[in-house]
Amino acid sequence: MAAVKLLETRALSRRFGGLRAVEGVDFALERGEVRALIGPNGAGKTTLVSMLCGRIAASSGQVFFKGREITALPAHRRIRMGMAYTFQITSVFADLSVHENVALAVQARHAGSGLEAATVAALARVGLAERAAQRAGDLAYGHQRLLEVAMGLAQRPELLILDEPTQGLSDGEIDAFIALIRGLGAQTTVLLIEHNIPVVMALAQRITVLNFGRIIAEGSPEEIHANQEVQAAYLGGGA
Protein backbone atom coordinates (compact mmCIF):
# COMPACT_ATOMS: atom_id res chain seq x y z
CA MET A 1 0.00 0.00 0.00
CA ALA A 2 1.41 3.37 -1.03
CA ALA A 3 2.18 5.87 1.72
CA VAL A 4 -0.19 8.81 2.00
CA LYS A 5 1.37 12.21 1.38
CA LEU A 6 0.16 14.74 3.91
CA LEU A 7 2.37 17.60 2.71
CA GLU A 8 4.14 18.07 -0.60
CA THR A 9 6.09 20.79 -2.38
CA ARG A 10 6.96 21.01 -6.06
CA ALA A 11 9.86 23.16 -7.25
CA LEU A 12 9.33 25.47 -4.27
CA SER A 13 11.60 28.53 -4.29
CA ARG A 14 12.06 31.78 -2.41
CA ARG A 15 14.33 34.63 -3.42
CA PHE A 16 15.16 37.76 -1.46
CA GLY A 17 16.47 40.13 -4.11
CA GLY A 18 19.46 38.33 -5.59
CA LEU A 19 19.65 35.79 -2.75
CA ARG A 20 18.23 32.34 -3.46
CA ALA A 21 17.23 31.21 0.03
CA VAL A 22 15.32 28.14 -1.20
CA GLU A 23 15.65 26.82 -4.73
CA GLY A 24 13.51 24.22 -6.48
CA VAL A 25 12.66 22.07 -3.46
CA ASP A 26 10.61 18.91 -4.07
CA PHE A 27 9.59 17.56 -0.68
CA ALA A 28 7.00 15.02 0.48
CA LEU A 29 5.93 14.27 4.05
CA GLU A 30 3.99 11.08 4.70
CA ARG A 31 1.06 10.99 7.07
CA GLY A 32 2.03 9.75 10.53
CA GLU A 33 5.80 10.07 10.22
CA VAL A 34 8.33 12.05 12.24
CA ARG A 35 10.63 13.80 9.76
CA ALA A 36 13.66 15.90 10.65
CA LEU A 37 14.93 18.78 8.52
CA ILE A 38 18.58 19.57 9.19
CA GLY A 39 21.38 21.61 7.67
CA PRO A 40 23.94 24.31 8.44
CA ASN A 41 22.92 27.78 9.59
CA GLY A 42 21.72 29.73 6.58
CA ALA A 43 20.76 26.58 4.65
CA GLY A 44 17.21 27.85 4.16
CA LYS A 45 15.41 25.65 6.69
CA THR A 46 13.33 28.35 8.39
CA THR A 47 12.55 29.99 5.04
CA LEU A 48 11.26 26.66 3.72
CA VAL A 49 9.14 26.08 6.81
CA SER A 50 7.80 29.63 6.65
CA MET A 51 6.55 28.93 3.13
CA LEU A 52 4.95 25.68 4.26
CA CYS A 53 3.10 27.52 7.01
CA GLY A 54 2.13 30.55 4.95
CA ARG A 55 4.20 33.02 6.92
CA ILE A 56 6.00 34.11 3.75
CA ALA A 57 4.99 33.74 0.12
CA ALA A 58 6.82 31.49 -2.33
CA SER A 59 8.56 33.15 -5.25
CA SER A 60 7.64 30.13 -7.38
CA GLY A 61 6.54 26.52 -7.02
CA GLN A 62 3.63 24.89 -5.22
CA VAL A 63 2.63 23.63 -1.77
CA PHE A 64 0.01 20.91 -1.24
CA PHE A 65 -1.61 19.85 2.05
CA LYS A 66 -3.94 16.84 2.26
CA GLY A 67 -4.03 16.78 -1.53
CA ARG A 68 -5.13 20.41 -1.89
CA GLU A 69 -2.95 23.16 -3.29
CA ILE A 70 -2.45 25.78 -0.58
CA THR A 71 0.35 27.87 -2.12
CA ALA A 72 -1.68 31.10 -1.95
CA LEU A 73 -3.52 30.42 1.32
CA PRO A 74 -2.68 32.66 4.31
CA ALA A 75 -1.31 31.16 7.52
CA HIS A 76 -4.60 31.24 9.45
CA ARG A 77 -6.33 29.19 6.74
CA ARG A 78 -3.61 26.56 6.92
CA ILE A 79 -4.00 26.39 10.70
CA ARG A 80 -7.71 25.73 10.26
CA MET A 81 -6.85 22.91 7.87
CA GLY A 82 -4.79 21.18 10.55
CA MET A 83 -1.30 22.72 10.70
CA ALA A 84 0.36 24.01 13.86
CA TYR A 85 3.88 25.36 14.21
CA THR A 86 6.45 26.95 16.47
CA PHE A 87 9.39 29.07 15.35
CA GLN A 88 12.93 29.74 16.54
CA ILE A 89 11.90 33.05 18.09
CA THR A 90 9.26 32.49 20.75
CA SER A 91 5.89 34.07 20.01
CA VAL A 92 4.08 33.71 23.33
CA PHE A 93 2.00 36.56 24.73
CA ALA A 94 4.34 37.69 27.47
CA ASP A 95 1.76 39.57 29.56
CA LEU A 96 -0.74 36.71 29.62
CA SER A 97 -0.56 33.67 31.85
CA VAL A 98 0.70 30.32 30.64
CA HIS A 99 -2.87 29.00 30.78
CA GLU A 100 -4.25 31.96 28.82
CA ASN A 101 -1.68 31.49 26.05
CA VAL A 102 -2.77 27.92 25.46
CA ALA A 103 -6.47 28.80 25.76
CA LEU A 104 -6.08 31.44 23.04
CA ALA A 105 -4.38 28.93 20.77
CA VAL A 106 -7.29 26.50 20.93
CA GLN A 107 -10.36 28.70 21.26
CA ALA A 108 -11.25 28.29 17.60
CA ARG A 109 -11.46 24.50 18.00
CA HIS A 110 -13.07 24.19 21.44
CA ALA A 111 -15.75 25.94 23.43
CA GLY A 112 -16.64 26.10 27.12
CA SER A 113 -15.48 23.06 29.05
CA GLY A 114 -13.89 21.65 25.91
CA LEU A 115 -11.48 24.57 25.74
CA GLU A 116 -10.56 24.23 29.39
CA ALA A 117 -9.99 20.49 29.15
CA ALA A 118 -7.81 20.85 26.05
CA THR A 119 -5.78 23.61 27.70
CA VAL A 120 -5.18 21.68 30.91
CA ALA A 121 -4.28 18.49 29.04
CA ALA A 122 -1.78 20.26 26.76
CA LEU A 123 -0.01 21.91 29.69
CA ALA A 124 0.21 18.59 31.50
CA ARG A 125 1.72 16.88 28.46
CA VAL A 126 4.65 19.31 28.31
CA GLY A 127 5.17 19.49 32.07
CA LEU A 128 3.89 23.03 32.61
CA ALA A 129 0.72 22.30 34.57
CA GLU A 130 2.17 23.68 37.78
CA ARG A 131 3.09 26.92 35.99
CA ALA A 132 -0.37 27.54 34.51
CA ALA A 133 -0.96 30.75 36.47
CA GLN A 134 2.52 32.17 35.86
CA ARG A 135 3.03 35.11 33.54
CA ALA A 136 4.38 33.68 30.28
CA GLY A 137 7.00 36.39 29.94
CA ASP A 138 8.51 35.34 33.27
CA LEU A 139 9.20 31.79 32.10
CA ALA A 140 12.74 30.74 31.31
CA TYR A 141 13.42 30.57 27.58
CA GLY A 142 13.29 26.79 27.50
CA HIS A 143 9.92 26.77 29.23
CA GLN A 144 8.63 29.31 26.73
CA ARG A 145 9.59 26.82 24.03
CA LEU A 146 7.61 24.12 25.81
CA LEU A 147 4.66 26.51 26.11
CA GLU A 148 4.70 26.96 22.35
CA VAL A 149 4.68 23.18 21.92
CA ALA A 150 1.68 23.01 24.25
CA MET A 151 -0.06 25.68 22.20
CA GLY A 152 0.52 23.62 19.08
CA LEU A 153 -0.54 20.29 20.58
CA ALA A 154 -3.72 21.73 22.05
CA GLN A 155 -4.97 22.48 18.54
CA ARG A 156 -4.90 18.72 17.79
CA PRO A 157 -3.07 19.30 14.52
CA GLU A 158 -2.60 16.77 11.78
CA LEU A 159 0.81 18.35 11.11
CA LEU A 160 2.96 19.79 13.88
CA ILE A 161 6.00 21.78 12.71
CA LEU A 162 8.61 22.48 15.37
CA ASP A 163 11.56 24.81 14.71
CA GLU A 164 14.40 24.27 17.23
CA PRO A 165 12.06 23.09 20.02
CA THR A 166 14.83 21.84 22.33
CA GLN A 167 16.82 25.08 22.29
CA GLY A 168 17.24 26.24 25.88
CA LEU A 169 16.02 22.98 27.45
CA SER A 170 17.92 21.07 30.11
CA ASP A 171 18.98 17.47 29.52
CA GLY A 172 16.05 16.22 31.56
CA GLU A 173 13.61 18.41 29.65
CA ILE A 174 15.04 17.18 26.35
CA ASP A 175 14.48 13.58 27.46
CA ALA A 176 10.88 14.48 28.35
CA PHE A 177 10.42 16.17 24.97
CA ILE A 178 11.64 13.06 23.15
CA ALA A 179 9.18 10.94 25.12
CA LEU A 180 6.41 13.42 24.32
CA ILE A 181 6.97 13.28 20.56
CA ARG A 182 7.25 9.49 20.63
CA GLY A 183 3.96 9.38 22.49
CA LEU A 184 2.05 11.33 19.87
CA GLY A 185 1.59 8.24 17.74
CA ALA A 186 0.39 8.18 14.18
CA GLN A 187 -2.38 10.73 14.73
CA THR A 188 0.08 13.63 14.48
CA THR A 189 2.68 14.01 11.75
CA VAL A 190 5.77 15.91 12.95
CA LEU A 191 8.26 17.98 10.97
CA LEU A 192 11.20 18.75 13.24
CA ILE A 193 13.83 21.39 12.46
CA GLU A 194 16.59 20.74 14.95
CA HIS A 195 20.33 21.29 15.43
CA ASN A 196 20.59 18.80 18.29
CA ILE A 197 21.69 15.75 16.30
CA PRO A 198 21.14 13.22 19.14
CA VAL A 199 17.51 14.41 19.32
CA VAL A 200 17.18 14.07 15.54
CA MET A 201 18.63 10.56 15.57
CA ALA A 202 16.39 9.55 18.48
CA LEU A 203 13.15 10.78 16.92
CA ALA A 204 13.28 10.95 13.15
CA GLN A 205 12.14 8.09 10.95
CA ARG A 206 13.56 9.94 7.95
CA ILE A 207 15.82 12.97 7.63
CA THR A 208 15.95 15.62 4.92
CA VAL A 209 19.19 17.62 4.63
CA LEU A 210 19.15 21.14 3.20
CA ASN A 211 22.21 23.12 2.13
CA PHE A 212 22.35 26.40 0.19
CA GLY A 213 18.58 26.21 -0.26
CA ARG A 214 18.56 22.78 -1.89
CA ILE A 215 17.94 19.24 -0.65
CA ILE A 216 21.24 17.36 -0.79
CA ALA A 217 20.14 14.10 0.87
CA GLU A 218 17.16 12.22 2.29
CA GLY A 219 17.03 8.91 4.09
CA SER A 220 16.97 7.05 7.38
CA PRO A 221 19.11 8.29 10.28
CA GLU A 222 21.64 5.57 9.50
CA GLU A 223 21.81 6.52 5.81
CA ILE A 224 22.20 10.22 6.59
CA HIS A 225 24.90 9.58 9.17
CA ALA A 226 26.88 7.59 6.60
CA ASN A 227 26.36 10.06 3.74
CA GLN A 228 29.69 11.64 2.75
CA GLU A 229 28.13 14.79 1.30
CA VAL A 230 26.19 15.39 4.51
CA GLN A 231 29.32 14.76 6.55
CA ALA A 232 31.18 17.38 4.54
CA ALA A 233 28.39 19.96 4.56
CA TYR A 234 27.09 19.59 8.08
CA LEU A 235 27.79 16.67 10.40
CA GLY A 236 31.53 16.78 9.85
CA GLY A 237 31.54 20.41 10.98
CA GLY A 238 30.44 19.45 14.48
CA ALA A 239 27.15 21.38 14.24
C-alpha atoms as a PDB file:
ATOM      1  CA  MET A   1       0.000   0.000   0.000  1.00  0.00           C
ATOM      2  CA  ALA A   2       1.413   3.375  -1.025  1.00  0.00           C
ATOM      3  CA  ALA A   3       2.179   5.865   1.722  1.00  0.00           C
ATOM      4  CA  VAL A   4      -0.190   8.813   2.002  1.00  0.00           C
ATOM      5  CA  LYS A   5       1.375  12.214   1.375  1.00  0.00           C
ATOM      6  CA  LEU A   6       0.161  14.737   3.909  1.00  0.00           C
ATOM      7  CA  LEU A   7       2.369  17.600   2.708  1.00  0.00           C
ATOM      8  CA  GLU A   8       4.139  18.072  -0.604  1.00  0.00           C
ATOM      9  CA  THR A   9       6.090  20.793  -2.385  1.00  0.00           C
ATOM     10  CA  ARG A  10       6.959  21.008  -6.061  1.00  0.00           C
ATOM     11  CA  ALA A  11       9.864  23.156  -7.245  1.00  0.00           C
ATOM     12  CA  LEU A  12       9.329  25.468  -4.274  1.00  0.00           C
ATOM     13  CA  SER A  13      11.604  28.530  -4.292  1.00  0.00           C
ATOM     14  CA  ARG A  14      12.062  31.784  -2.410  1.00  0.00           C
ATOM     15  CA  ARG A  15      14.330  34.627  -3.416  1.00  0.00           C
ATOM     16  CA  PHE A  16      15.155  37.760  -1.460  1.00  0.00           C
ATOM     17  CA  GLY A  17      16.472  40.130  -4.112  1.00  0.00           C
ATOM     18  CA  GLY A  18      19.457  38.329  -5.589  1.00  0.00           C
ATOM     19  CA  LEU A  19      19.651  35.791  -2.748  1.00  0.00           C
ATOM     20  CA  ARG A  20      18.225  32.341  -3.464  1.00  0.00           C
ATOM     21  CA  ALA A  21      17.233  31.215   0.032  1.00  0.00           C
ATOM     22  CA  VAL A  22      15.321  28.140  -1.195  1.00  0.00           C
ATOM     23  CA  GLU A  23      15.654  26.823  -4.726  1.00  0.00           C
ATOM     24  CA  GLY A  24      13.510  24.220  -6.477  1.00  0.00           C
ATOM     25  CA  VAL A  25      12.657  22.071  -3.462  1.00  0.00           C
ATOM     26  CA  ASP A  26      10.609  18.909  -4.073  1.00  0.00           C
ATOM     27  CA  PHE A  27       9.591  17.559  -0.681  1.00  0.00           C
ATOM     28  CA  ALA A  28       7.001  15.022   0.484  1.00  0.00           C
ATOM     29  CA  LEU A  29       5.929  14.266   4.049  1.00  0.00           C
ATOM     30  CA  GLU A  30       3.993  11.084   4.698  1.00  0.00           C
ATOM     31  CA  ARG A  31       1.060  10.990   7.073  1.00  0.00           C
ATOM     32  CA  GLY A  32       2.031   9.746  10.526  1.00  0.00           C
ATOM     33  CA  GLU A  33       5.801  10.075  10.220  1.00  0.00           C
ATOM     34  CA  VAL A  34       8.332  12.049  12.235  1.00  0.00           C
ATOM     35  CA  ARG A  35      10.634  13.803   9.764  1.00  0.00           C
ATOM     36  CA  ALA A  36      13.662  15.903  10.648  1.00  0.00           C
ATOM     37  CA  LEU A  37      14.927  18.778   8.520  1.00  0.00           C
ATOM     38  CA  ILE A  38      18.578  19.565   9.186  1.00  0.00           C
ATOM     39  CA  GLY A  39      21.375  21.609   7.666  1.00  0.00           C
ATOM     40  CA  PRO A  40      23.936  24.313   8.443  1.00  0.00           C
ATOM     41  CA  ASN A  41      22.918  27.776   9.594  1.00  0.00           C
ATOM     42  CA  GLY A  42      21.716  29.726   6.578  1.00  0.00           C
ATOM     43  CA  ALA A  43      20.762  26.584   4.654  1.00  0.00           C
ATOM     44  CA  GLY A  44      17.207  27.847   4.158  1.00  0.00           C
ATOM     45  CA  LYS A  45      15.407  25.651   6.694  1.00  0.00           C
ATOM     46  CA  THR A  46      13.335  28.349   8.388  1.00  0.00           C
ATOM     47  CA  THR A  47      12.552  29.993   5.039  1.00  0.00           C
ATOM     48  CA  LEU A  48      11.258  26.664   3.725  1.00  0.00           C
ATOM     49  CA  VAL A  49       9.144  26.075   6.813  1.00  0.00           C
ATOM     50  CA  SER A  50       7.800  29.626   6.647  1.00  0.00           C
ATOM     51  CA  MET A  51       6.548  28.934   3.133  1.00  0.00           C
ATOM     52  CA  LEU A  52       4.950  25.681   4.256  1.00  0.00           C
ATOM     53  CA  CYS A  53       3.099  27.524   7.013  1.00  0.00           C
ATOM     54  CA  GLY A  54       2.130  30.551   4.945  1.00  0.00           C
ATOM     55  CA  ARG A  55       4.201  33.017   6.917  1.00  0.00           C
ATOM     56  CA  ILE A  56       6.003  34.105   3.752  1.00  0.00           C
ATOM     57  CA  ALA A  57       4.991  33.736   0.120  1.00  0.00           C
ATOM     58  CA  ALA A  58       6.821  31.494  -2.326  1.00  0.00           C
ATOM     59  CA  SER A  59       8.563  33.149  -5.251  1.00  0.00           C
ATOM     60  CA  SER A  60       7.635  30.132  -7.380  1.00  0.00           C
ATOM     61  CA  GLY A  61       6.539  26.523  -7.019  1.00  0.00           C
ATOM     62  CA  GLN A  62       3.631  24.893  -5.223  1.00  0.00           C
ATOM     63  CA  VAL A  63       2.631  23.628  -1.774  1.00  0.00           C
ATOM     64  CA  PHE A  64       0.006  20.905  -1.237  1.00  0.00           C
ATOM     65  CA  PHE A  65      -1.611  19.849   2.050  1.00  0.00           C
ATOM     66  CA  LYS A  66      -3.939  16.844   2.259  1.00  0.00           C
ATOM     67  CA  GLY A  67      -4.033  16.775  -1.528  1.00  0.00           C
ATOM     68  CA  ARG A  68      -5.127  20.407  -1.895  1.00  0.00           C
ATOM     69  CA  GLU A  69      -2.945  23.160  -3.291  1.00  0.00           C
ATOM     70  CA  ILE A  70      -2.448  25.783  -0.576  1.00  0.00           C
ATOM     71  CA  THR A  71       0.353  27.874  -2.120  1.00  0.00           C
ATOM     72  CA  ALA A  72      -1.681  31.096  -1.950  1.00  0.00           C
ATOM     73  CA  LEU A  73      -3.520  30.416   1.322  1.00  0.00           C
ATOM     74  CA  PRO A  74      -2.680  32.656   4.313  1.00  0.00           C
ATOM     75  CA  ALA A  75      -1.308  31.155   7.520  1.00  0.00           C
ATOM     76  CA  HIS A  76      -4.595  31.237   9.454  1.00  0.00           C
ATOM     77  CA  ARG A  77      -6.331  29.188   6.745  1.00  0.00           C
ATOM     78  CA  ARG A  78      -3.606  26.563   6.916  1.00  0.00           C
ATOM     79  CA  ILE A  79      -3.996  26.391  10.700  1.00  0.00           C
ATOM     80  CA  ARG A  80      -7.711  25.726  10.257  1.00  0.00           C
ATOM     81  CA  MET A  81      -6.851  22.913   7.867  1.00  0.00           C
ATOM     82  CA  GLY A  82      -4.786  21.182  10.550  1.00  0.00           C
ATOM     83  CA  MET A  83      -1.302  22.724  10.702  1.00  0.00           C
ATOM     84  CA  ALA A  84       0.361  24.011  13.857  1.00  0.00           C
ATOM     85  CA  TYR A  85       3.879  25.365  14.207  1.00  0.00           C
ATOM     86  CA  THR A  86       6.453  26.954  16.472  1.00  0.00           C
ATOM     87  CA  PHE A  87       9.392  29.072  15.347  1.00  0.00           C
ATOM     88  CA  GLN A  88      12.928  29.743  16.541  1.00  0.00           C
ATOM     89  CA  ILE A  89      11.898  33.052  18.093  1.00  0.00           C
ATOM     90  CA  THR A  90       9.259  32.489  20.752  1.00  0.00           C
ATOM     91  CA  SER A  91       5.891  34.066  20.014  1.00  0.00           C
ATOM     92  CA  VAL A  92       4.078  33.706  23.331  1.00  0.00           C
ATOM     93  CA  PHE A  93       2.001  36.555  24.726  1.00  0.00           C
ATOM     94  CA  ALA A  94       4.343  37.685  27.473  1.00  0.00           C
ATOM     95  CA  ASP A  95       1.761  39.567  29.556  1.00  0.00           C
ATOM     96  CA  LEU A  96      -0.744  36.710  29.618  1.00  0.00           C
ATOM     97  CA  SER A  97      -0.561  33.672  31.851  1.00  0.00           C
ATOM     98  CA  VAL A  98       0.701  30.320  30.637  1.00  0.00           C
ATOM     99  CA  HIS A  99      -2.872  29.005  30.783  1.00  0.00           C
ATOM    100  CA  GLU A 100      -4.249  31.958  28.816  1.00  0.00           C
ATOM    101  CA  ASN A 101      -1.679  31.492  26.051  1.00  0.00           C
ATOM    102  CA  VAL A 102      -2.771  27.917  25.456  1.00  0.00           C
ATOM    103  CA  ALA A 103      -6.469  28.797  25.760  1.00  0.00           C
ATOM    104  CA  LEU A 104      -6.083  31.436  23.037  1.00  0.00           C
ATOM    105  CA  ALA A 105      -4.382  28.927  20.766  1.00  0.00           C
ATOM    106  CA  VAL A 106      -7.292  26.495  20.925  1.00  0.00           C
ATOM    107  CA  GLN A 107     -10.356  28.700  21.259  1.00  0.00           C
ATOM    108  CA  ALA A 108     -11.251  28.293  17.600  1.00  0.00           C
ATOM    109  CA  ARG A 109     -11.461  24.496  18.003  1.00  0.00           C
ATOM    110  CA  HIS A 110     -13.066  24.193  21.445  1.00  0.00           C
ATOM    111  CA  ALA A 111     -15.753  25.941  23.431  1.00  0.00           C
ATOM    112  CA  GLY A 112     -16.644  26.104  27.117  1.00  0.00           C
ATOM    113  CA  SER A 113     -15.481  23.064  29.050  1.00  0.00           C
ATOM    114  CA  GLY A 114     -13.888  21.650  25.909  1.00  0.00           C
ATOM    115  CA  LEU A 115     -11.478  24.566  25.742  1.00  0.00           C
ATOM    116  CA  GLU A 116     -10.556  24.225  29.392  1.00  0.00           C
ATOM    117  CA  ALA A 117      -9.992  20.489  29.154  1.00  0.00           C
ATOM    118  CA  ALA A 118      -7.811  20.852  26.048  1.00  0.00           C
ATOM    119  CA  THR A 119      -5.779  23.613  27.703  1.00  0.00           C
ATOM    120  CA  VAL A 120      -5.176  21.681  30.910  1.00  0.00           C
ATOM    121  CA  ALA A 121      -4.282  18.490  29.035  1.00  0.00           C
ATOM    122  CA  ALA A 122      -1.784  20.257  26.764  1.00  0.00           C
ATOM    123  CA  LEU A 123      -0.006  21.912  29.691  1.00  0.00           C
ATOM    124  CA  ALA A 124       0.208  18.590  31.502  1.00  0.00           C
ATOM    125  CA  ARG A 125       1.716  16.881  28.460  1.00  0.00           C
ATOM    126  CA  VAL A 126       4.648  19.312  28.306  1.00  0.00           C
ATOM    127  CA  GLY A 127       5.170  19.488  32.072  1.00  0.00           C
ATOM    128  CA  LEU A 128       3.895  23.028  32.607  1.00  0.00           C
ATOM    129  CA  ALA A 129       0.718  22.297  34.567  1.00  0.00           C
ATOM    130  CA  GLU A 130       2.169  23.683  37.776  1.00  0.00           C
ATOM    131  CA  ARG A 131       3.093  26.922  35.992  1.00  0.00           C
ATOM    132  CA  ALA A 132      -0.366  27.542  34.506  1.00  0.00           C
ATOM    133  CA  ALA A 133      -0.962  30.753  36.468  1.00  0.00           C
ATOM    134  CA  GLN A 134       2.522  32.165  35.862  1.00  0.00           C
ATOM    135  CA  ARG A 135       3.030  35.105  33.540  1.00  0.00           C
ATOM    136  CA  ALA A 136       4.378  33.676  30.279  1.00  0.00           C
ATOM    137  CA  GLY A 137       6.999  36.394  29.942  1.00  0.00           C
ATOM    138  CA  ASP A 138       8.509  35.342  33.270  1.00  0.00           C
ATOM    139  CA  LEU A 139       9.202  31.792  32.099  1.00  0.00           C
ATOM    140  CA  ALA A 140      12.740  30.736  31.307  1.00  0.00           C
ATOM    141  CA  TYR A 141      13.420  30.571  27.577  1.00  0.00           C
ATOM    142  CA  GLY A 142      13.291  26.787  27.501  1.00  0.00           C
ATOM    143  CA  HIS A 143       9.918  26.770  29.231  1.00  0.00           C
ATOM    144  CA  GLN A 144       8.627  29.309  26.726  1.00  0.00           C
ATOM    145  CA  ARG A 145       9.593  26.818  24.028  1.00  0.00           C
ATOM    146  CA  LEU A 146       7.608  24.122  25.812  1.00  0.00           C
ATOM    147  CA  LEU A 147       4.664  26.511  26.114  1.00  0.00           C
ATOM    148  CA  GLU A 148       4.702  26.955  22.348  1.00  0.00           C
ATOM    149  CA  VAL A 149       4.683  23.181  21.917  1.00  0.00           C
ATOM    150  CA  ALA A 150       1.682  23.005  24.254  1.00  0.00           C
ATOM    151  CA  MET A 151      -0.060  25.685  22.198  1.00  0.00           C
ATOM    152  CA  GLY A 152       0.517  23.623  19.079  1.00  0.00           C
ATOM    153  CA  LEU A 153      -0.539  20.290  20.582  1.00  0.00           C
ATOM    154  CA  ALA A 154      -3.724  21.727  22.049  1.00  0.00           C
ATOM    155  CA  GLN A 155      -4.967  22.477  18.543  1.00  0.00           C
ATOM    156  CA  ARG A 156      -4.899  18.722  17.794  1.00  0.00           C
ATOM    157  CA  PRO A 157      -3.069  19.299  14.516  1.00  0.00           C
ATOM    158  CA  GLU A 158      -2.597  16.766  11.781  1.00  0.00           C
ATOM    159  CA  LEU A 159       0.807  18.346  11.114  1.00  0.00           C
ATOM    160  CA  LEU A 160       2.956  19.792  13.883  1.00  0.00           C
ATOM    161  CA  ILE A 161       5.998  21.782  12.710  1.00  0.00           C
ATOM    162  CA  LEU A 162       8.613  22.483  15.371  1.00  0.00           C
ATOM    163  CA  ASP A 163      11.564  24.811  14.711  1.00  0.00           C
ATOM    164  CA  GLU A 164      14.402  24.273  17.226  1.00  0.00           C
ATOM    165  CA  PRO A 165      12.060  23.088  20.024  1.00  0.00           C
ATOM    166  CA  THR A 166      14.826  21.843  22.335  1.00  0.00           C
ATOM    167  CA  GLN A 167      16.824  25.079  22.293  1.00  0.00           C
ATOM    168  CA  GLY A 168      17.236  26.237  25.878  1.00  0.00           C
ATOM    169  CA  LEU A 169      16.017  22.983  27.449  1.00  0.00           C
ATOM    170  CA  SER A 170      17.922  21.070  30.111  1.00  0.00           C
ATOM    171  CA  ASP A 171      18.983  17.470  29.519  1.00  0.00           C
ATOM    172  CA  GLY A 172      16.051  16.224  31.564  1.00  0.00           C
ATOM    173  CA  GLU A 173      13.611  18.407  29.652  1.00  0.00           C
ATOM    174  CA  ILE A 174      15.043  17.177  26.345  1.00  0.00           C
ATOM    175  CA  ASP A 175      14.476  13.575  27.458  1.00  0.00           C
ATOM    176  CA  ALA A 176      10.881  14.480  28.346  1.00  0.00           C
ATOM    177  CA  PHE A 177      10.420  16.172  24.969  1.00  0.00           C
ATOM    178  CA  ILE A 178      11.644  13.056  23.150  1.00  0.00           C
ATOM    179  CA  ALA A 179       9.177  10.941  25.122  1.00  0.00           C
ATOM    180  CA  LEU A 180       6.410  13.423  24.324  1.00  0.00           C
ATOM    181  CA  ILE A 181       6.974  13.275  20.561  1.00  0.00           C
ATOM    182  CA  ARG A 182       7.252   9.491  20.632  1.00  0.00           C
ATOM    183  CA  GLY A 183       3.959   9.375  22.494  1.00  0.00           C
ATOM    184  CA  LEU A 184       2.048  11.329  19.869  1.00  0.00           C
ATOM    185  CA  GLY A 185       1.593   8.236  17.743  1.00  0.00           C
ATOM    186  CA  ALA A 186       0.389   8.177  14.176  1.00  0.00           C
ATOM    187  CA  GLN A 187      -2.385  10.732  14.731  1.00  0.00           C
ATOM    188  CA  THR A 188       0.077  13.626  14.482  1.00  0.00           C
ATOM    189  CA  THR A 189       2.678  14.015  11.751  1.00  0.00           C
ATOM    190  CA  VAL A 190       5.766  15.909  12.950  1.00  0.00           C
ATOM    191  CA  LEU A 191       8.260  17.977  10.968  1.00  0.00           C
ATOM    192  CA  LEU A 192      11.202  18.753  13.243  1.00  0.00           C
ATOM    193  CA  ILE A 193      13.834  21.390  12.455  1.00  0.00           C
ATOM    194  CA  GLU A 194      16.589  20.739  14.951  1.00  0.00           C
ATOM    195  CA  HIS A 195      20.328  21.290  15.428  1.00  0.00           C
ATOM    196  CA  ASN A 196      20.590  18.801  18.289  1.00  0.00           C
ATOM    197  CA  ILE A 197      21.686  15.746  16.301  1.00  0.00           C
ATOM    198  CA  PRO A 198      21.141  13.218  19.138  1.00  0.00           C
ATOM    199  CA  VAL A 199      17.514  14.412  19.317  1.00  0.00           C
ATOM    200  CA  VAL A 200      17.184  14.074  15.536  1.00  0.00           C
ATOM    201  CA  MET A 201      18.628  10.559  15.567  1.00  0.00           C
ATOM    202  CA  ALA A 202      16.391   9.547  18.475  1.00  0.00           C
ATOM    203  CA  LEU A 203      13.153  10.778  16.923  1.00  0.00           C
ATOM    204  CA  ALA A 204      13.275  10.950  13.145  1.00  0.00           C
ATOM    205  CA  GLN A 205      12.138   8.090  10.954  1.00  0.00           C
ATOM    206  CA  ARG A 206      13.555   9.944   7.949  1.00  0.00           C
ATOM    207  CA  ILE A 207      15.815  12.968   7.626  1.00  0.00           C
ATOM    208  CA  THR A 208      15.951  15.621   4.919  1.00  0.00           C
ATOM    209  CA  VAL A 209      19.192  17.623   4.632  1.00  0.00           C
ATOM    210  CA  LEU A 210      19.146  21.144   3.199  1.00  0.00           C
ATOM    211  CA  ASN A 211      22.210  23.122   2.135  1.00  0.00           C
ATOM    212  CA  PHE A 212      22.352  26.397   0.191  1.00  0.00           C
ATOM    213  CA  GLY A 213      18.577  26.210  -0.257  1.00  0.00           C
ATOM    214  CA  ARG A 214      18.564  22.775  -1.892  1.00  0.00           C
ATOM    215  CA  ILE A 215      17.938  19.244  -0.648  1.00  0.00           C
ATOM    216  CA  ILE A 216      21.236  17.362  -0.788  1.00  0.00           C
ATOM    217  CA  ALA A 217      20.143  14.098   0.871  1.00  0.00           C
ATOM    218  CA  GLU A 218      17.158  12.218   2.292  1.00  0.00           C
ATOM    219  CA  GLY A 219      17.031   8.908   4.094  1.00  0.00           C
ATOM    220  CA  SER A 220      16.969   7.046   7.375  1.00  0.00           C
ATOM    221  CA  PRO A 221      19.108   8.291  10.280  1.00  0.00           C
ATOM    222  CA  GLU A 222      21.640   5.568   9.495  1.00  0.00           C
ATOM    223  CA  GLU A 223      21.810   6.516   5.811  1.00  0.00           C
ATOM    224  CA  ILE A 224      22.199  10.219   6.586  1.00  0.00           C
ATOM    225  CA  HIS A 225      24.899   9.577   9.168  1.00  0.00           C
ATOM    226  CA  ALA A 226      26.876   7.591   6.598  1.00  0.00           C
ATOM    227  CA  ASN A 227      26.358  10.062   3.738  1.00  0.00           C
ATOM    228  CA  GLN A 228      29.686  11.643   2.746  1.00  0.00           C
ATOM    229  CA  GLU A 229      28.134  14.793   1.298  1.00  0.00           C
ATOM    230  CA  VAL A 230      26.193  15.386   4.510  1.00  0.00           C
ATOM    231  CA  GLN A 231      29.321  14.764   6.548  1.00  0.00           C
ATOM    232  CA  ALA A 232      31.179  17.381   4.544  1.00  0.00           C
ATOM    233  CA  ALA A 233      28.393  19.960   4.555  1.00  0.00           C
ATOM    234  CA  TYR A 234      27.089  19.589   8.079  1.00  0.00           C
ATOM    235  CA  LEU A 235      27.787  16.672  10.404  1.00  0.00           C
ATOM    236  CA  GLY A 236      31.532  16.776   9.855  1.00  0.00           C
ATOM    237  CA  GLY A 237      31.542  20.410  10.975  1.00  0.00           C
ATOM    238  CA  GLY A 238      30.437  19.447  14.483  1.00  0.00           C
ATOM    239  CA  ALA A 239      27.154  21.376  14.238  1.00  0.00           C
END
